[in-house]
Amino acid sequence: MRTHNADAACGIAQAATIVGDRWNVLILREIARGHVRFDALAAELGLSRKVLTERLGRLVAAGVLHRSLYQRRPVRYEYLLTEAGAGLLPLLVAMQDWGDRWVLGDGSVTATATEDGAEHARMHALTGSRLPVDLELPGSDGVLRDAVAPDAAATVLFTYPATGVQWEEPLPGAAGCTLENRLFRDSWPAFRDAGAAVHGVSTQLPHEQAAFARAESVPYPLLSDTHLRLAAALRLPTFCGAGQVRLKRSVLVLDPRRTVRHVLFPVGDIPHAVEEARRLATALATGHG
């Protein structure tokens, strides 16, 4: 295909040579979700082995993926994101946000969702899926933490847009993040006594989360998804507000094997969602969920 001379100095044109192909984008989507082995990729994408081999070879050659040997007899590889590949996660999330808003939605910006929409269906389809094993996020103390607490009988992972942010205009579903954290804080003893962990996740920077945690005496970890690793891994609904990509409010309850057992989304009644999260996590932790 003939290209314009200016494309040589155009970052958009150069990126398009790598991610402009539909299958390349979907392969990256699946690898971000933790489907890193050839057979898993083929099954998720419904792609022929020949085409998948060709596309994976192109992405490795472009420096977006690297092959990692995990079995010698027969030889088998995992395909993992390089640093350059991880740098494409915000692009994948932006494409999803654009599709949710302009193709699957009515074009409006909202921090919530309807119960008959694509975001609702996608979130509730997470039930039974597993988080990638290497998914660690920086905590408010700057230490990388597993998104799923390794020593807990259940983990409640709740996502929220942001605390302490003045929105440019009222956005449905954006308000209430401080209230939500306070309610989880006040219920923390009940979660702890049941053997359940609580992790709050937003796209705010760790130092912003740390300041909030100190001011509100938050006893559980606040994790930063500023690089959108969790958002890409779970295809979480997002929106753009106050100049940044934000996570829509949701609550996931996971077992120790990293399997999503329960999904609360959309979250409209925050007090009810916190109480329901406590009930579901307690039941799971005590073997009744």
C-alpha atoms as a PDB file:
ATOM      1  CA  MET A   1       0.000   0.000   0.000  1.00  0.00           C
ATOM      2  CA  ARG A   2       1.354   3.409  -0.989  1.00  0.00           C
ATOM      3  CA  THR A   3       2.013   5.729   1.961  1.00  0.00           C
ATOM      4  CA  HIS A   4       2.446   9.464   2.127  1.00  0.00           C
ATOM      5  CA  ASN A   5       5.990  10.678   2.747  1.00  0.00           C
ATOM      6  CA  ALA A   6       4.832  12.546   5.876  1.00  0.00           C
ATOM      7  CA  ASP A   7       3.832   9.229   7.457  1.00  0.00           C
ATOM      8  CA  ALA A   8       7.461   8.490   8.238  1.00  0.00           C
ATOM      9  CA  ALA A   9       7.398  11.205  10.906  1.00  0.00           C
ATOM     10  CA  CYS A  10       3.811  10.648  12.037  1.00  0.00           C
ATOM     11  CA  GLY A  11       3.338   8.707  15.251  1.00  0.00           C
ATOM     12  CA  ILE A  12      -0.279   7.911  14.389  1.00  0.00           C
ATOM     13  CA  ALA A  13       0.733   6.388  11.064  1.00  0.00           C
ATOM     14  CA  GLN A  14       3.513   4.351  12.649  1.00  0.00           C
ATOM     15  CA  ALA A  15       1.234   3.045  15.425  1.00  0.00           C
ATOM     16  CA  ALA A  16      -1.424   2.182  12.836  1.00  0.00           C
ATOM     17  CA  THR A  17       1.002  -0.172  11.087  1.00  0.00           C
ATOM     18  CA  ILE A  18       1.029  -2.265  14.279  1.00  0.00           C
ATOM     19  CA  VAL A  19      -2.461  -1.905  15.751  1.00  0.00           C
ATOM     20  CA  GLY A  20      -4.401  -0.936  12.639  1.00  0.00           C
ATOM     21  CA  ASP A  21      -5.224  -4.568  11.907  1.00  0.00           C
ATOM     22  CA  ARG A  22      -8.411  -5.862  13.603  1.00  0.00           C
ATOM     23  CA  TRP A  23      -6.858  -9.178  14.608  1.00  0.00           C
ATOM     24  CA  ASN A  24      -3.788  -7.527  16.085  1.00  0.00           C
ATOM     25  CA  VAL A  25      -6.003  -5.377  18.304  1.00  0.00           C
ATOM     26  CA  LEU A  26      -8.083  -8.344  19.443  1.00  0.00           C
ATOM     27  CA  ILE A  27      -4.967 -10.432  20.140  1.00  0.00           C
ATOM     28  CA  LEU A  28      -3.639  -7.650  22.355  1.00  0.00           C
ATOM     29  CA  ARG A  29      -7.034  -7.428  24.059  1.00  0.00           C
ATOM     30  CA  GLU A  30      -6.973 -11.127  24.901  1.00  0.00           C
ATOM     31  CA  ILE A  31      -3.369 -11.127  26.102  1.00  0.00           C
ATOM     32  CA  ALA A  32      -4.205  -8.204  28.393  1.00  0.00           C
ATOM     33  CA  ARG A  33      -7.028 -10.382  29.767  1.00  0.00           C
ATOM     34  CA  GLY A  34      -4.534 -13.141  30.615  1.00  0.00           C
ATOM     35  CA  HIS A  35      -5.036 -15.449  27.623  1.00  0.00           C
ATOM     36  CA  VAL A  36      -1.344 -15.710  26.822  1.00  0.00           C
ATOM     37  CA  ARG A  37      -1.032 -19.210  25.368  1.00  0.00           C
ATOM     38  CA  PHE A  38      -1.604 -20.088  21.734  1.00  0.00           C
ATOM     39  CA  ASP A  39      -4.501 -22.504  22.236  1.00  0.00           C
ATOM     40  CA  ALA A  40      -6.266 -20.108  24.615  1.00  0.00           C
ATOM     41  CA  LEU A  41      -5.904 -17.267  22.119  1.00  0.00           C
ATOM     42  CA  ALA A  42      -7.191 -19.418  19.273  1.00  0.00           C
ATOM     43  CA  ALA A  43     -10.196 -20.508  21.329  1.00  0.00           C
ATOM     44  CA  GLU A  44     -11.093 -16.979  22.479  1.00  0.00           C
ATOM     45  CA  LEU A  45     -10.707 -15.415  19.032  1.00  0.00           C
ATOM     46  CA  GLY A  46     -11.970 -18.214  16.800  1.00  0.00           C
ATOM     47  CA  LEU A  47      -8.973 -17.575  14.570  1.00  0.00           C
ATOM     48  CA  SER A  48      -7.238 -20.161  12.391  1.00  0.00           C
ATOM     49  CA  ARG A  49      -3.868 -21.374  13.652  1.00  0.00           C
ATOM     50  CA  LYS A  50      -2.177 -20.128  10.488  1.00  0.00           C
ATOM     51  CA  VAL A  51      -3.513 -16.568  10.791  1.00  0.00           C
ATOM     52  CA  LEU A  52      -2.872 -16.470  14.543  1.00  0.00           C
ATOM     53  CA  THR A  53       0.724 -17.643  14.066  1.00  0.00           C
ATOM     54  CA  GLU A  54       1.268 -14.952  11.444  1.00  0.00           C
ATOM     55  CA  ARG A  55      -0.200 -12.159  13.587  1.00  0.00           C
ATOM     56  CA  LEU A  56       1.712 -13.210  16.702  1.00  0.00           C
ATOM     57  CA  GLY A  57       4.918 -13.259  14.667  1.00  0.00           C
ATOM     58  CA  ARG A  58       4.266  -9.691  13.489  1.00  0.00           C
ATOM     59  CA  LEU A  59       3.609  -8.452  17.022  1.00  0.00           C
ATOM     60  CA  VAL A  60       6.766 -10.123  18.333  1.00  0.00           C
ATOM     61  CA  ALA A  61       8.787  -8.635  15.478  1.00  0.00           C
ATOM     62  CA  ALA A  62       7.327  -5.203  16.253  1.00  0.00           C
ATOM     63  CA  GLY A  63       8.507  -5.465  19.865  1.00  0.00           C
ATOM     64  CA  VAL A  64       4.978  -5.419  21.289  1.00  0.00           C
ATOM     65  CA  LEU A  65       5.059  -9.047  22.481  1.00  0.00           C
ATOM     66  CA  HIS A  66       7.793 -11.436  23.513  1.00  0.00           C
ATOM     67  CA  ARG A  67       7.691 -15.215  23.507  1.00  0.00           C
ATOM     68  CA  SER A  68       8.411 -17.015  26.756  1.00  0.00           C
ATOM     69  CA  LEU A  69       9.050 -20.773  26.797  1.00  0.00           C
ATOM     70  CA  TYR A  70       6.872 -22.577  29.353  1.00  0.00           C
ATOM     71  CA  GLN A  71       7.149 -26.177  28.077  1.00  0.00           C
ATOM     72  CA  ARG A  72       9.974 -28.006  26.309  1.00  0.00           C
ATOM     73  CA  ARG A  73       8.345 -31.278  25.204  1.00  0.00           C
ATOM     74  CA  PRO A  74       6.618 -30.352  23.027  1.00  0.00           C
ATOM     75  CA  VAL A  75       7.863 -26.781  22.772  1.00  0.00           C
ATOM     76  CA  ARG A  76       5.215 -24.297  23.884  1.00  0.00           C
ATOM     77  CA  TYR A  77       5.362 -20.539  24.348  1.00  0.00           C
ATOM     78  CA  GLU A  78       3.436 -17.855  26.174  1.00  0.00           C
ATOM     79  CA  TYR A  79       3.033 -14.462  24.523  1.00  0.00           C
ATOM     80  CA  LEU A  80       3.514 -11.629  26.980  1.00  0.00           C
ATOM     81  CA  LEU A  81       3.317  -7.869  26.657  1.00  0.00           C
ATOM     82  CA  THR A  82       6.619  -6.040  26.491  1.00  0.00           C
ATOM     83  CA  GLU A  83       6.983  -2.569  27.980  1.00  0.00           C
ATOM     84  CA  ALA A  84       5.982  -1.202  24.585  1.00  0.00           C
ATOM     85  CA  GLY A  85       2.995  -3.551  24.515  1.00  0.00           C
ATOM     86  CA  ALA A  86       1.854  -2.493  27.977  1.00  0.00           C
ATOM     87  CA  GLY A  87       2.023   1.073  26.699  1.00  0.00           C
ATOM     88  CA  LEU A  88      -0.826   0.189  24.329  1.00  0.00           C
ATOM     89  CA  LEU A  89      -3.251  -0.664  27.163  1.00  0.00           C
ATOM     90  CA  PRO A  90      -4.535   2.937  27.436  1.00  0.00           C
ATOM     91  CA  LEU A  91      -5.222   2.820  23.686  1.00  0.00           C
ATOM     92  CA  LEU A  92      -7.252  -0.379  24.070  1.00  0.00           C
ATOM     93  CA  VAL A  93      -9.228   1.137  26.951  1.00  0.00           C
ATOM     94  CA  ALA A  94      -9.788   4.333  24.932  1.00  0.00           C
ATOM     95  CA  MET A  95     -11.094   2.280  22.003  1.00  0.00           C
ATOM     96  CA  GLN A  96     -13.440   0.426  24.327  1.00  0.00           C
ATOM     97  CA  ASP A  97     -14.651   3.674  25.906  1.00  0.00           C
ATOM     98  CA  TRP A  98     -15.263   5.173  22.467  1.00  0.00           C
ATOM     99  CA  GLY A  99     -17.166   2.071  21.344  1.00  0.00           C
ATOM    100  CA  ASP A 100     -19.235   1.976  24.538  1.00  0.00           C
ATOM    101  CA  ARG A 101     -20.118   5.654  24.180  1.00  0.00           C
ATOM    102  CA  TRP A 102     -20.543   6.212  20.459  1.00  0.00           C
ATOM    103  CA  VAL A 103     -21.340   2.789  18.948  1.00  0.00           C
ATOM    104  CA  LEU A 104     -23.095   0.937  21.769  1.00  0.00           C
ATOM    105  CA  GLY A 105     -24.358   4.045  23.579  1.00  0.00           C
ATOM    106  CA  ASP A 106     -26.048   7.353  22.782  1.00  0.00           C
ATOM    107  CA  GLY A 107     -22.905   9.510  22.909  1.00  0.00           C
ATOM    108  CA  SER A 108     -23.463  10.908  26.386  1.00  0.00           C
ATOM    109  CA  VAL A 109     -20.774  10.904  29.087  1.00  0.00           C
ATOM    110  CA  THR A 110     -21.871   9.098  32.219  1.00  0.00           C
ATOM    111  CA  ALA A 111     -20.186   7.454  35.198  1.00  0.00           C
ATOM    112  CA  THR A 112     -22.846   4.793  35.468  1.00  0.00           C
ATOM    113  CA  ALA A 113     -24.667   2.400  33.118  1.00  0.00           C
ATOM    114  CA  THR A 114     -28.084   1.000  32.337  1.00  0.00           C
ATOM    115  CA  GLU A 115     -29.072  -2.562  33.139  1.00  0.00           C
ATOM    116  CA  ASP A 116     -29.929  -3.311  29.510  1.00  0.00           C
ATOM    117  CA  GLY A 117     -26.678  -2.050  27.997  1.00  0.00           C
ATOM    118  CA  ALA A 118     -23.471  -3.625  26.727  1.00  0.00           C
ATOM    119  CA  GLU A 119     -21.420  -2.560  29.766  1.00  0.00           C
ATOM    120  CA  HIS A 120     -23.850  -4.344  32.089  1.00  0.00           C
ATOM    121  CA  ALA A 121     -23.696  -7.510  29.994  1.00  0.00           C
ATOM    122  CA  ARG A 122     -19.893  -7.395  29.777  1.00  0.00           C
ATOM    123  CA  MET A 123     -19.452  -6.893  33.523  1.00  0.00           C
ATOM    124  CA  HIS A 124     -21.812  -9.684  34.542  1.00  0.00           C
ATOM    125  CA  ALA A 125     -20.127 -12.010  32.041  1.00  0.00           C
ATOM    126  CA  LEU A 126     -17.036 -11.740  34.269  1.00  0.00           C
ATOM    127  CA  THR A 127     -18.625 -14.211  36.696  1.00  0.00           C
ATOM    128  CA  GLY A 128     -16.542 -17.391  36.524  1.00  0.00           C
ATOM    129  CA  SER A 129     -13.533 -15.735  34.885  1.00  0.00           C
ATOM    130  CA  ARG A 130     -10.133 -15.374  36.527  1.00  0.00           C
ATOM    131  CA  LEU A 131      -7.841 -12.414  37.016  1.00  0.00           C
ATOM    132  CA  PRO A 132      -4.382 -12.804  35.432  1.00  0.00           C
ATOM    133  CA  VAL A 133      -1.901 -14.150  37.976  1.00  0.00           C
ATOM    134  CA  ASP A 134       0.625 -11.362  37.473  1.00  0.00           C
ATOM    135  CA  LEU A 135      -1.786  -8.478  37.973  1.00  0.00           C
ATOM    136  CA  GLU A 136      -0.195  -6.241  40.591  1.00  0.00           C
ATOM    137  CA  LEU A 137      -1.034  -2.577  41.177  1.00  0.00           C
ATOM    138  CA  PRO A 138       0.795   0.068  43.218  1.00  0.00           C
ATOM    139  CA  GLY A 139      -0.771   0.743  46.596  1.00  0.00           C
ATOM    140  CA  SER A 140      -1.030   4.061  48.377  1.00  0.00           C
ATOM    141  CA  ASP A 141       2.240   3.121  50.134  1.00  0.00           C
ATOM    142  CA  GLY A 142       3.993   2.743  46.780  1.00  0.00           C
ATOM    143  CA  VAL A 143       4.310  -1.041  47.136  1.00  0.00           C
ATOM    144  CA  LEU A 144       3.043  -3.297  44.373  1.00  0.00           C
ATOM    145  CA  ARG A 145       0.178  -5.456  45.600  1.00  0.00           C
ATOM    146  CA  ASP A 146      -1.706  -8.331  44.084  1.00  0.00           C
ATOM    147  CA  ALA A 147      -5.202  -7.256  43.092  1.00  0.00           C
ATOM    148  CA  VAL A 148      -6.428 -10.379  44.919  1.00  0.00           C
ATOM    149  CA  ALA A 149      -5.296 -10.711  48.543  1.00  0.00           C
ATOM    150  CA  PRO A 150      -3.205 -13.922  48.658  1.00  0.00           C
ATOM    151  CA  ASP A 151      -4.090 -14.831  52.250  1.00  0.00           C
ATOM    152  CA  ALA A 152      -7.817 -14.005  52.249  1.00  0.00           C
ATOM    153  CA  ALA A 153     -10.735 -16.389  51.911  1.00  0.00           C
ATOM    154  CA  ALA A 154     -12.462 -13.798  49.723  1.00  0.00           C
ATOM    155  CA  THR A 155     -11.475 -10.466  48.188  1.00  0.00           C
ATOM    156  CA  VAL A 156     -13.838  -7.577  47.570  1.00  0.00           C
ATOM    157  CA  LEU A 157     -12.457  -5.437  44.755  1.00  0.00           C
ATOM    158  CA  PHE A 158     -14.424  -2.225  44.368  1.00  0.00           C
ATOM    159  CA  THR A 159     -13.695   0.335  41.674  1.00  0.00           C
ATOM    160  CA  TYR A 160     -14.661   3.991  41.894  1.00  0.00           C
ATOM    161  CA  PRO A 161     -14.093   7.143  39.808  1.00  0.00           C
ATOM    162  CA  ALA A 162     -12.105   9.356  42.230  1.00  0.00           C
ATOM    163  CA  THR A 163     -12.167  11.023  45.625  1.00  0.00           C
ATOM    164  CA  GLY A 164     -11.782  14.777  46.130  1.00  0.00           C
ATOM    165  CA  VAL A 165     -12.391  15.679  42.485  1.00  0.00           C
ATOM    166  CA  GLN A 166     -14.466  18.630  41.340  1.00  0.00           C
ATOM    167  CA  TRP A 167     -16.238  17.465  38.184  1.00  0.00           C
ATOM    168  CA  GLU A 168     -16.569  20.014  35.390  1.00  0.00           C
ATOM    169  CA  GLU A 169     -20.296  19.294  35.263  1.00  0.00           C
ATOM    170  CA  PRO A 170     -22.580  16.924  37.159  1.00  0.00           C
ATOM    171  CA  LEU A 171     -22.028  13.385  35.904  1.00  0.00           C
ATOM    172  CA  PRO A 172     -24.529  10.651  36.778  1.00  0.00           C
ATOM    173  CA  GLY A 173     -22.805   8.128  39.054  1.00  0.00           C
ATOM    174  CA  ALA A 174     -19.622  10.104  39.689  1.00  0.00           C
ATOM    175  CA  ALA A 175     -20.435  11.418  43.161  1.00  0.00           C
ATOM    176  CA  GLY A 176     -20.261   9.321  46.307  1.00  0.00           C
ATOM    177  CA  CYS A 177     -16.700   7.957  46.260  1.00  0.00           C
ATOM    178  CA  THR A 178     -15.841   9.360  49.698  1.00  0.00           C
ATOM    179  CA  LEU A 179     -19.096   8.001  51.091  1.00  0.00           C
ATOM    180  CA  GLU A 180     -18.369   4.588  49.587  1.00  0.00           C
ATOM    181  CA  ASN A 181     -14.905   4.442  51.137  1.00  0.00           C
ATOM    182  CA  ARG A 182     -16.269   5.532  54.514  1.00  0.00           C
ATOM    183  CA  LEU A 183     -18.898   2.809  54.415  1.00  0.00           C
ATOM    184  CA  PHE A 184     -16.307   0.157  53.557  1.00  0.00           C
ATOM    185  CA  ARG A 185     -14.082   1.577  56.309  1.00  0.00           C
ATOM    186  CA  ASP A 186     -16.864   1.348  58.869  1.00  0.00           C
ATOM    187  CA  SER A 187     -17.684  -2.209  57.764  1.00  0.00           C
ATOM    188  CA  TRP A 188     -14.032  -3.251  57.698  1.00  0.00           C
ATOM    189  CA  PRO A 189     -14.114  -5.115  61.058  1.00  0.00           C
ATOM    190  CA  ALA A 190     -16.925  -7.343  59.759  1.00  0.00           C
ATOM    191  CA  PHE A 191     -14.999  -8.119  56.550  1.00  0.00           C
ATOM    192  CA  ARG A 192     -11.802  -8.799  58.531  1.00  0.00           C
ATOM    193  CA  ASP A 193     -13.522 -11.061  61.050  1.00  0.00           C
ATOM    194  CA  ALA A 194     -15.003 -13.093  58.187  1.00  0.00           C
ATOM    195  CA  GLY A 195     -11.571 -13.554  56.600  1.00  0.00           C
ATOM    196  CA  ALA A 196     -12.369 -11.299  53.652  1.00  0.00           C
ATOM    197  CA  ALA A 197     -10.076  -8.613  52.236  1.00  0.00           C
ATOM    198  CA  VAL A 198     -11.170  -5.298  50.745  1.00  0.00           C
ATOM    199  CA  HIS A 199      -9.277  -3.492  47.975  1.00  0.00           C
ATOM    200  CA  GLY A 200     -10.377  -0.126  46.560  1.00  0.00           C
ATOM    201  CA  VAL A 201      -9.232   0.743  43.031  1.00  0.00           C
ATOM    202  CA  SER A 202      -9.242   4.027  41.121  1.00  0.00           C
ATOM    203  CA  THR A 203      -7.082   5.587  38.428  1.00  0.00           C
ATOM    204  CA  GLN A 204      -5.806   8.224  40.839  1.00  0.00           C
ATOM    205  CA  LEU A 205      -2.085   8.354  41.566  1.00  0.00           C
ATOM    206  CA  PRO A 206      -0.773   6.540  44.660  1.00  0.00           C
ATOM    207  CA  HIS A 207       0.142   9.766  46.462  1.00  0.00           C
ATOM    208  CA  GLU A 208      -3.394  11.094  45.931  1.00  0.00           C
ATOM    209  CA  GLN A 209      -4.815   7.882  47.340  1.00  0.00           C
ATOM    210  CA  ALA A 210      -2.354   8.006  50.252  1.00  0.00           C
ATOM    211  CA  ALA A 211      -3.480  11.504  51.231  1.00  0.00           C
ATOM    212  CA  PHE A 212      -7.103  10.390  51.178  1.00  0.00           C
ATOM    213  CA  ALA A 213      -6.343   7.205  53.131  1.00  0.00           C
ATOM    214  CA  ARG A 214      -4.601   9.208  55.862  1.00  0.00           C
ATOM    215  CA  ALA A 215      -7.364  11.805  56.071  1.00  0.00           C
ATOM    216  CA  GLU A 216     -10.128   9.190  56.254  1.00  0.00           C
ATOM    217  CA  SER A 217      -8.255   6.481  58.231  1.00  0.00           C
ATOM    218  CA  VAL A 218      -8.857   3.916  55.493  1.00  0.00           C
ATOM    219  CA  PRO A 219      -7.722   0.521  56.869  1.00  0.00           C
ATOM    220  CA  TYR A 220      -7.638  -1.439  53.588  1.00  0.00           C
ATOM    221  CA  PRO A 221      -5.351  -0.975  50.548  1.00  0.00           C
ATOM    222  CA  LEU A 222      -6.200   1.564  47.881  1.00  0.00           C
ATOM    223  CA  LEU A 223      -4.696   0.471  44.571  1.00  0.00           C
ATOM    224  CA  SER A 224      -3.872   2.693  41.613  1.00  0.00           C
ATOM    225  CA  ASP A 225      -4.828   1.578  38.118  1.00  0.00           C
ATOM    226  CA  THR A 226      -3.345   4.670  36.522  1.00  0.00           C
ATOM    227  CA  HIS A 227      -1.757   2.502  33.795  1.00  0.00           C
ATOM    228  CA  LEU A 228      -5.122   0.775  33.210  1.00  0.00           C
ATOM    229  CA  ARG A 229      -3.846  -2.788  33.659  1.00  0.00           C
ATOM    230  CA  LEU A 230      -6.906  -3.881  35.626  1.00  0.00           C
ATOM    231  CA  ALA A 231      -9.252  -1.960  33.325  1.00  0.00           C
ATOM    232  CA  ALA A 232      -7.803  -3.746  30.288  1.00  0.00           C
ATOM    233  CA  ALA A 233      -7.659  -7.160  31.980  1.00  0.00           C
ATOM    234  CA  LEU A 234     -11.343  -7.088  32.909  1.00  0.00           C
ATOM    235  CA  ARG A 235     -12.601  -4.720  30.170  1.00  0.00           C
ATOM    236  CA  LEU A 236     -13.971  -2.499  32.924  1.00  0.00           C
ATOM    237  CA  PRO A 237     -16.300   0.334  31.890  1.00  0.00           C
ATOM    238  CA  THR A 238     -14.624   3.741  32.000  1.00  0.00           C
ATOM    239  CA  PHE A 239     -15.415   7.376  31.299  1.00  0.00           C
ATOM    240  CA  CYS A 240     -13.371  10.552  30.891  1.00  0.00           C
ATOM    241  CA  GLY A 241     -13.845  13.101  33.664  1.00  0.00           C
ATOM    242  CA  ALA A 242     -11.743  15.927  35.092  1.00  0.00           C
ATOM    243  CA  GLY A 243      -9.152  15.353  32.392  1.00  0.00           C
ATOM    244  CA  GLN A 244      -8.511  11.676  33.121  1.00  0.00           C
ATOM    245  CA  VAL A 245      -9.787   8.196  32.377  1.00  0.00           C
ATOM    246  CA  ARG A 246     -11.926   7.072  35.342  1.00  0.00           C
ATOM    247  CA  LEU A 247     -13.293   3.689  36.345  1.00  0.00           C
ATOM    248  CA  LYS A 248     -17.028   3.377  36.695  1.00  0.00           C
ATOM    249  CA  ARG A 249     -18.250   2.160  40.055  1.00  0.00           C
ATOM    250  CA  SER A 250     -18.412  -1.628  40.450  1.00  0.00           C
ATOM    251  CA  VAL A 251     -17.928  -4.312  43.099  1.00  0.00           C
ATOM    252  CA  LEU A 252     -16.354  -7.715  42.404  1.00  0.00           C
ATOM    253  CA  VAL A 253     -16.121 -10.568  44.906  1.00  0.00           C
ATOM    254  CA  LEU A 254     -13.324 -13.054  44.153  1.00  0.00           C
ATOM    255  CA  ASP A 255     -12.266 -16.359  45.669  1.00  0.00           C
ATOM    256  CA  PRO A 256      -8.644 -17.316  46.527  1.00  0.00           C
ATOM    257  CA  ARG A 257      -8.215 -18.896  43.076  1.00  0.00           C
ATOM    258  CA  ARG A 258      -8.761 -15.439  41.549  1.00  0.00           C
ATOM    259  CA  THR A 259     -12.161 -16.393  40.171  1.00  0.00           C
ATOM    260  CA  VAL A 260     -14.848 -13.720  40.019  1.00  0.00           C
ATOM    261  CA  ARG A 261     -17.776 -15.131  41.959  1.00  0.00           C
ATOM    262  CA  HIS A 262     -20.100 -12.119  42.169  1.00  0.00           C
ATOM    263  CA  VAL A 263     -20.480  -8.841  40.262  1.00  0.00           C
ATOM    264  CA  LEU A 264     -22.383  -5.762  41.427  1.00  0.00           C
ATOM    265  CA  PHE A 265     -22.831  -3.358  38.512  1.00  0.00           C
ATOM    266  CA  PRO A 266     -24.079  -0.761  38.014  1.00  0.00           C
ATOM    267  CA  VAL A 267     -23.868   0.513  41.567  1.00  0.00           C
ATOM    268  CA  GLY A 268     -26.542   3.105  42.222  1.00  0.00           C
ATOM    269  CA  ASP A 269     -27.408   2.528  45.872  1.00  0.00           C
ATOM    270  CA  ILE A 270     -23.960   2.703  47.478  1.00  0.00           C
ATOM    271  CA  PRO A 271     -24.947   1.719  51.056  1.00  0.00           C
ATOM    272  CA  HIS A 272     -26.844  -1.298  49.718  1.00  0.00           C
ATOM    273  CA  ALA A 273     -23.874  -2.323  47.527  1.00  0.00           C
ATOM    274  CA  VAL A 274     -21.452  -2.194  50.485  1.00  0.00           C
ATOM    275  CA  GLU A 275     -23.802  -4.275  52.624  1.00  0.00           C
ATOM    276  CA  GLU A 276     -24.350  -6.734  49.785  1.00  0.00           C
ATOM    277  CA  ALA A 277     -20.586  -7.002  49.254  1.00  0.00           C
ATOM    278  CA  ARG A 278     -20.171  -7.807  52.955  1.00  0.00           C
ATOM    279  CA  ARG A 279     -22.881 -10.468  52.793  1.00  0.00           C
ATOM    280  CA  LEU A 280     -21.493 -12.105  49.648  1.00  0.00           C
ATOM    281  CA  ALA A 281     -17.877 -12.017  50.836  1.00  0.00           C
ATOM    282  CA  THR A 282     -18.807 -13.441  54.238  1.00  0.00           C
ATOM    283  CA  ALA A 283     -20.772 -16.251  52.623  1.00  0.00           C
ATOM    284  CA  LEU A 284     -17.888 -17.054  50.270  1.00  0.00           C
ATOM    285  CA  ALA A 285     -15.280 -16.906  53.032  1.00  0.00           C
ATOM    286  CA  THR A 286     -17.291 -19.214  55.276  1.00  0.00           C
ATOM    287  CA  GLY A 287     -18.030 -21.739  52.548  1.00  0.00           C
ATOM    288  CA  HIS A 288     -21.644 -20.757  51.965  1.00  0.00           C
ATOM    289  CA  GLY A 289     -21.201 -18.696  48.806  1.00  0.00           C
END
